[in-house]
Protein backbone atom coordinates (compact mmCIF):
# COMPACT_ATOMS: atom_id res chain seq x y z
CA MET A 1 -146.47 9.13 -15.61
CA GLU A 2 -148.36 11.67 -13.17
CA ARG A 3 -146.01 14.08 -11.24
CA ILE A 4 -146.98 15.97 -8.01
CA ARG A 5 -144.26 18.37 -6.36
CA VAL A 6 -144.63 18.30 -2.70
CA ILE A 7 -142.68 20.08 0.37
CA ASP A 8 -142.51 18.18 3.50
CA SER A 9 -141.51 19.57 7.00
CA HIS A 10 -142.16 18.57 10.51
CA THR A 11 -143.85 20.49 13.63
CA GLY A 12 -142.55 19.05 16.84
CA GLY A 13 -141.94 15.78 15.01
CA GLU A 14 -145.37 15.17 13.35
CA PRO A 15 -144.81 15.72 9.57
CA THR A 16 -147.06 18.05 6.99
CA ARG A 17 -146.83 17.27 3.54
CA VAL A 18 -148.06 20.48 1.19
CA ILE A 19 -149.04 20.07 -2.33
CA VAL A 20 -147.21 22.75 -3.92
CA PRO A 21 -150.12 25.35 -5.10
CA GLY A 22 -150.95 25.47 -8.75
CA GLN A 23 -150.99 21.88 -9.66
CA ILE A 24 -154.38 20.49 -8.83
CA ASP A 25 -157.24 22.90 -9.33
CA LEU A 26 -160.48 21.99 -7.82
CA PRO A 27 -163.97 23.47 -8.63
CA GLU A 28 -165.12 26.84 -7.55
CA MET A 29 -167.81 26.27 -4.72
CA PRO A 30 -167.98 26.66 -0.97
CA ILE A 31 -165.15 25.27 1.09
CA VAL A 32 -166.92 22.43 2.63
CA GLU A 33 -168.28 21.11 -0.71
CA GLN A 34 -164.76 21.71 -2.02
CA ALA A 35 -162.95 19.46 0.46
CA ASP A 36 -165.49 16.86 0.06
CA TYR A 37 -164.94 17.11 -3.63
CA TRP A 38 -161.07 16.60 -2.90
CA ASN A 39 -161.74 13.84 -1.03
CA THR A 40 -164.22 12.08 -3.15
CA HIS A 41 -162.54 12.66 -6.62
CA HIS A 42 -158.96 12.58 -5.46
CA ALA A 43 -159.14 9.87 -2.93
CA ASN A 44 -156.50 7.82 -4.76
CA LEU A 45 -153.97 10.60 -4.66
CA ARG A 46 -154.81 11.25 -1.05
CA GLY A 47 -154.31 7.87 0.12
CA ALA A 48 -150.93 7.81 -2.15
CA LEU A 49 -149.71 10.86 -0.61
CA CYS A 50 -150.50 9.63 3.23
CA ASN A 51 -149.92 5.74 2.77
CA GLU A 52 -146.88 3.69 2.24
CA PRO A 53 -144.79 3.47 -0.24
CA TYR A 54 -144.88 7.44 -0.89
CA GLY A 55 -145.76 8.52 2.65
CA SER A 56 -146.75 6.79 5.82
CA ASP A 57 -149.90 7.26 7.94
CA ILE A 58 -148.57 9.92 10.52
CA ILE A 59 -148.53 12.60 7.41
CA VAL A 60 -151.00 15.24 7.20
CA GLY A 61 -151.28 16.72 3.83
CA ALA A 62 -152.25 19.93 2.77
CA TRP A 63 -154.21 21.74 -0.29
CA LEU A 64 -153.86 25.32 -0.67
CA GLY A 65 -155.92 27.45 -3.05
CA PRO A 66 -157.41 30.79 -3.84
CA SER A 67 -159.93 32.22 -1.28
CA GLU A 68 -162.58 35.12 -1.40
CA VAL A 69 -162.34 35.75 2.19
CA ALA A 70 -158.64 34.98 3.42
CA ASP A 71 -155.35 34.76 1.87
CA TYR A 72 -155.53 31.19 0.99
CA ARG A 73 -158.03 28.31 1.19
CA LEU A 74 -156.79 25.25 3.12
CA ILE A 75 -157.98 21.54 3.05
CA PHE A 76 -156.33 19.39 5.53
CA PHE A 77 -156.41 15.68 4.90
CA ASN A 78 -154.61 12.36 6.14
CA ASN A 79 -154.99 8.72 5.51
CA VAL A 80 -158.19 7.95 6.24
CA GLY A 81 -160.00 11.39 4.95
CA LEU A 82 -160.31 15.09 5.71
CA ILE A 83 -159.26 16.85 8.96
CA GLY A 84 -161.36 19.59 10.12
CA MET A 85 -158.41 21.88 11.41
CA CYS A 86 -154.60 20.96 12.11
CA GLY A 87 -152.65 23.04 14.10
CA HIS A 88 -149.34 21.64 13.70
CA GLY A 89 -150.20 21.44 10.08
CA LEU A 90 -150.74 24.99 9.90
CA ILE A 91 -147.50 25.52 11.38
CA GLY A 92 -145.75 23.47 8.63
CA VAL A 93 -147.90 25.29 6.16
CA MET A 94 -146.25 28.67 7.37
CA GLU A 95 -142.90 27.18 7.11
CA THR A 96 -143.33 26.02 3.99
CA LEU A 97 -144.65 29.06 2.35
CA SER A 98 -141.68 30.72 3.97
CA PHE A 99 -139.58 28.28 2.02
CA LEU A 100 -141.50 28.91 -1.04
CA GLY A 101 -140.48 32.56 -0.61
CA GLU A 102 -143.87 33.82 0.56
CA ASP A 103 -144.17 36.90 3.11
CA VAL A 104 -145.24 35.12 6.40
CA ASN A 105 -143.85 37.27 8.60
CA ARG A 106 -147.17 39.07 8.83
CA SER A 107 -150.55 37.79 9.88
CA VAL A 108 -151.72 35.38 7.13
CA THR A 109 -155.22 34.18 7.01
CA PHE A 110 -156.48 30.63 6.05
CA GLU A 111 -160.12 29.77 5.28
CA THR A 112 -160.50 26.47 6.48
CA ARG A 113 -163.34 23.93 6.71
CA LYS A 114 -164.00 24.83 10.50
CA GLY A 115 -163.61 28.93 9.76
CA VAL A 116 -160.89 31.40 9.41
CA VAL A 117 -157.85 31.07 11.13
CA SER A 118 -154.33 33.20 11.04
CA ALA A 119 -150.91 32.60 11.60
CA LYS A 120 -147.77 34.89 12.03
CA ARG A 121 -144.11 33.61 11.73
CA ASP A 122 -141.45 35.50 13.69
CA ALA A 123 -138.84 36.17 11.10
CA GLU A 124 -135.91 36.39 13.78
CA THR A 125 -136.89 33.09 15.43
CA ALA A 126 -138.86 31.51 12.90
CA LEU A 127 -141.40 30.54 15.53
CA THR A 128 -145.03 30.67 14.37
CA THR A 129 -148.04 31.65 16.28
CA ILE A 130 -151.47 30.52 15.01
CA GLN A 131 -154.87 31.62 16.19
CA ASN A 132 -157.04 28.95 16.10
CA VAL A 133 -161.21 28.71 15.42
CA ALA A 134 -163.22 29.19 18.88
CA SER A 135 -162.62 26.35 21.29
CA TYR A 136 -165.12 25.09 23.90
CA ARG A 137 -165.52 22.34 26.41
CA TYR A 138 -169.12 20.43 25.80
CA ARG A 139 -168.98 18.02 28.63
CA LYS A 140 -167.24 17.43 31.84
CA GLU A 141 -166.11 14.05 33.28
CA VAL A 142 -168.02 11.99 31.07
CA PRO A 143 -167.70 8.09 32.09
CA VAL A 144 -166.62 5.51 29.70
CA ARG A 145 -166.81 1.76 30.29
CA LEU A 146 -163.99 -0.27 28.49
CA ALA A 147 -164.20 -3.74 26.99
CA THR A 148 -161.39 -4.52 29.61
CA GLY A 149 -163.74 -3.81 32.54
CA GLN A 150 -161.59 -0.54 33.38
CA SER A 151 -163.66 2.61 33.48
CA VAL A 152 -162.19 6.05 32.71
CA THR A 153 -163.75 9.59 32.67
CA GLY A 154 -162.65 12.54 30.40
CA ASP A 155 -163.89 15.93 29.17
CA ILE A 156 -165.30 16.31 25.38
CA ALA A 157 -163.79 19.45 24.16
CA TYR A 158 -163.57 21.10 20.51
CA GLY A 159 -160.58 22.58 19.15
CA GLY A 160 -161.29 22.27 15.68
CA ASN A 161 -161.66 18.45 15.81
CA TRP A 162 -163.47 16.60 18.70
CA PHE A 163 -161.37 14.97 21.67
CA PHE A 164 -161.96 13.15 24.34
CA LEU A 165 -159.54 14.30 27.13
CA CYS A 166 -158.79 11.47 29.89
CA GLU A 167 -156.41 12.17 33.02
CA ASP A 168 -157.48 9.18 34.96
CA HIS A 169 -155.98 6.49 32.53
CA ARG A 170 -153.48 5.26 35.19
CA LEU A 171 -150.36 5.36 32.42
CA GLU A 172 -147.47 7.25 32.75
CA LEU A 173 -147.15 9.46 29.69
CA ALA A 174 -143.64 8.23 28.53
CA TYR A 175 -142.20 7.39 25.12
CA ALA A 176 -141.52 3.76 26.59
CA ASN A 177 -145.00 3.13 27.28
CA ILE A 178 -146.32 4.02 23.58
CA PRO A 179 -147.73 0.34 23.01
CA GLN A 180 -149.98 0.71 26.09
CA LEU A 181 -151.03 4.21 25.44
CA MET A 182 -151.89 2.91 21.95
CA GLN A 183 -153.96 0.29 23.21
CA LEU A 184 -155.70 1.96 25.81
CA SER A 185 -156.49 5.08 23.34
CA VAL A 186 -157.95 2.71 20.48
CA GLU A 187 -160.11 0.97 23.23
CA ILE A 188 -161.34 4.24 24.54
CA ARG A 189 -162.18 5.39 20.97
CA ARG A 190 -164.19 2.23 20.13
CA SER A 191 -165.96 2.42 23.31
CA LEU A 192 -167.09 5.77 22.81
CA GLU A 193 -168.53 4.71 19.50
CA SER A 194 -169.91 1.30 20.83
CA GLN A 195 -171.66 3.55 23.70
CA GLY A 196 -172.88 6.28 21.51
CA ILE A 197 -170.70 9.09 23.26
CA THR A 198 -170.37 11.82 20.85
CA GLY A 199 -169.45 15.50 20.40
CA GLU A 200 -172.31 18.39 19.79
CA ASN A 201 -175.05 17.28 17.38
CA GLY A 202 -173.68 13.70 17.31
CA ALA A 203 -170.05 14.73 15.97
CA GLN A 204 -167.81 11.98 16.00
CA ILE A 205 -164.97 12.01 18.62
CA ASP A 206 -161.98 11.01 16.22
CA HIS A 207 -159.15 12.10 18.51
CA ILE A 208 -158.29 10.75 21.99
CA GLU A 209 -156.21 12.76 24.09
CA LEU A 210 -154.70 11.36 27.35
CA THR A 211 -153.24 14.06 29.71
CA GLN A 212 -150.90 14.25 32.44
CA THR A 213 -149.76 17.42 34.60
CA VAL A 214 -146.10 18.13 34.41
CA ALA A 215 -145.77 21.09 36.63
CA ASP A 216 -147.95 24.45 37.03
CA HIS A 217 -149.29 25.43 33.60
CA HIS A 218 -147.23 22.80 32.18
CA GLY A 219 -148.83 19.34 30.88
CA ARG A 220 -147.99 16.36 28.46
CA ASN A 221 -150.28 14.49 26.62
CA PHE A 222 -150.59 11.52 23.94
CA VAL A 223 -152.96 12.33 21.33
CA LEU A 224 -154.48 9.32 19.13
CA CYS A 225 -155.39 10.68 15.46
CA PRO A 226 -158.28 9.52 13.37
CA GLY A 227 -156.22 7.10 11.42
CA LEU A 228 -154.80 5.33 14.48
CA ALA A 229 -151.36 6.68 14.53
CA TYR A 230 -150.24 8.89 17.45
CA ASP A 231 -149.44 12.54 17.13
CA ARG A 232 -145.54 13.14 17.70
CA SER A 233 -146.58 17.16 18.22
CA PRO A 234 -148.16 18.41 21.20
CA CYS A 235 -151.20 18.48 18.83
CA GLY A 236 -152.39 22.00 18.12
CA THR A 237 -156.16 21.28 18.16
CA GLY A 238 -155.79 18.98 21.11
CA THR A 239 -153.88 21.81 22.79
CA SER A 240 -157.06 24.10 22.22
CA ALA A 241 -159.35 21.47 23.47
CA LYS A 242 -157.24 21.52 26.53
CA LEU A 243 -157.07 25.19 27.06
CA ALA A 244 -160.89 25.27 26.86
CA SER A 245 -161.05 22.81 29.79
CA LEU A 246 -158.75 24.66 31.71
CA ALA A 247 -160.56 28.05 31.27
CA GLU A 248 -163.77 26.45 31.91
CA GLU A 249 -162.17 24.88 35.34
CA GLY A 250 -160.50 28.38 36.31
CA LYS A 251 -157.21 26.84 36.19
CA LEU A 252 -155.64 29.28 33.46
CA SER A 253 -156.38 32.92 33.30
CA PRO A 254 -156.58 34.74 29.81
CA GLY A 255 -153.47 35.71 28.50
CA GLU A 256 -151.56 33.11 30.76
CA THR A 257 -149.03 30.58 29.10
CA TRP A 258 -149.64 26.87 29.00
CA VAL A 259 -146.99 24.40 27.98
CA GLN A 260 -148.18 21.83 26.19
CA GLU A 261 -145.43 18.78 25.69
CA SER A 262 -145.90 15.77 23.52
CA ILE A 263 -145.07 12.14 23.98
CA THR A 264 -141.95 12.97 22.31
CA GLY A 265 -140.80 15.87 24.29
CA SER A 266 -141.66 18.70 21.80
CA GLN A 267 -143.47 21.51 23.08
CA PHE A 268 -146.16 24.33 22.27
CA GLU A 269 -146.61 27.55 24.28
CA ALA A 270 -150.63 28.22 24.17
CA ARG A 271 -152.60 30.95 25.61
CA TYR A 272 -156.19 32.04 24.95
CA GLN A 273 -158.66 35.10 24.97
CA PRO A 274 -162.18 34.70 26.03
CA ASP A 275 -164.99 35.32 23.66
CA GLY A 276 -168.24 34.85 25.42
CA GLU A 277 -168.28 31.19 26.59
CA LEU A 278 -165.57 30.26 24.07
CA VAL A 279 -162.07 30.61 23.88
CA ILE A 280 -159.64 31.80 21.10
CA PRO A 281 -156.41 29.66 21.21
CA HIS A 282 -152.87 31.15 20.49
CA ILE A 283 -150.44 28.30 20.02
CA SER A 284 -146.86 29.06 19.07
CA GLY A 285 -144.37 26.27 17.79
CA ARG A 286 -141.61 25.80 15.33
CA ALA A 287 -141.61 23.98 12.01
CA PHE A 288 -138.72 22.73 9.77
CA VAL A 289 -138.72 21.97 6.04
CA THR A 290 -137.23 18.46 5.54
CA ALA A 291 -137.61 17.72 1.82
CA GLU A 292 -138.56 19.11 -1.34
CA SER A 293 -139.96 16.18 -3.79
CA GLU A 294 -141.42 15.48 -7.08
CA LEU A 295 -143.54 12.04 -6.80
CA TYR A 296 -143.84 9.73 -9.42
CA PHE A 297 -147.06 7.97 -9.79
CA ASN A 298 -146.56 5.08 -12.59
CA ASN A 299 -149.78 3.43 -13.52
CA ARG A 300 -147.80 0.15 -13.96
CA ASP A 301 -146.75 0.54 -10.46
CA PRO A 302 -149.69 -1.61 -8.36
CA PHE A 303 -149.18 0.78 -5.42
CA HIS A 304 -148.83 3.92 -7.06
CA ARG A 305 -151.83 4.87 -5.05
CA GLY A 306 -150.60 3.68 -1.99
CA ILE A 307 -151.03 0.57 0.24
CA PRO A 308 -154.90 1.37 1.22
CA GLN A 309 -154.53 -0.80 4.48
CA ALA A 310 -155.92 2.16 6.76
CA GLU A 311 -158.61 3.12 4.78
CA ASN A 312 -161.30 1.33 6.57
CA LEU A 313 -160.01 1.89 10.17
CA PRO A 314 -162.71 3.02 12.82
């Protein structure tokens, strides 16, 4: 019977499941190839960790290993595959490392598939601030025709993942409206694919971010993730994409604080520093460890690798 020890946490309501380091060794190779190896050779385990009955489709998993250019290598994944970067997940990883006794009250660096990022946890407040990958807006006010006959426009922006940020959706971003928000977000994503609308160099736009202005320097979002689950947190990479759009519009100056609120009411505080035509996001949030578990995978259990109903989602 295979056993895997994991630490679960949530950041603003969104869960992160960290595989305790030292249990799964991956071949030494560049991180992009190593992540592909994990996704290919350990696909069943990934599915088990992020699908029922061991998990759920909202879980983001994380593998930590040694790095030659940073303190750790970090591979994020979910129920349908790899994730480029994950802001809430990095905050969860930092809280998990602290729980495991690591010193994270300093700048800790992580080598990800999208570049080296860093984070620091404040010992007194337990608030973690991450420095994300360079972010930018690729296209502005892109029109999209939906199958319902409705048309929407949105910015295409990169924050470690590709986002379509839409504000003219004509829905209130309220928890009670989640079914309608889900339906519209899925329709937008499918319409982007059918109309060949992509990020730079044909990159798939796998996150849909519906936005709403709450007050000056305060916004709310609803984010549809690649596995067609919605983000319970304000979404770190989505907040980074939002910062890039705000910066290019001249609506937020370097160093000014932007409050990003999720559909559940949780909040991140975000700032940026310019880097040429790009922005370097700094995002602060709080994670909480929720469980330390040892998962048992019995080969006689027909669902010991999870229920893979989400594996073929668009």
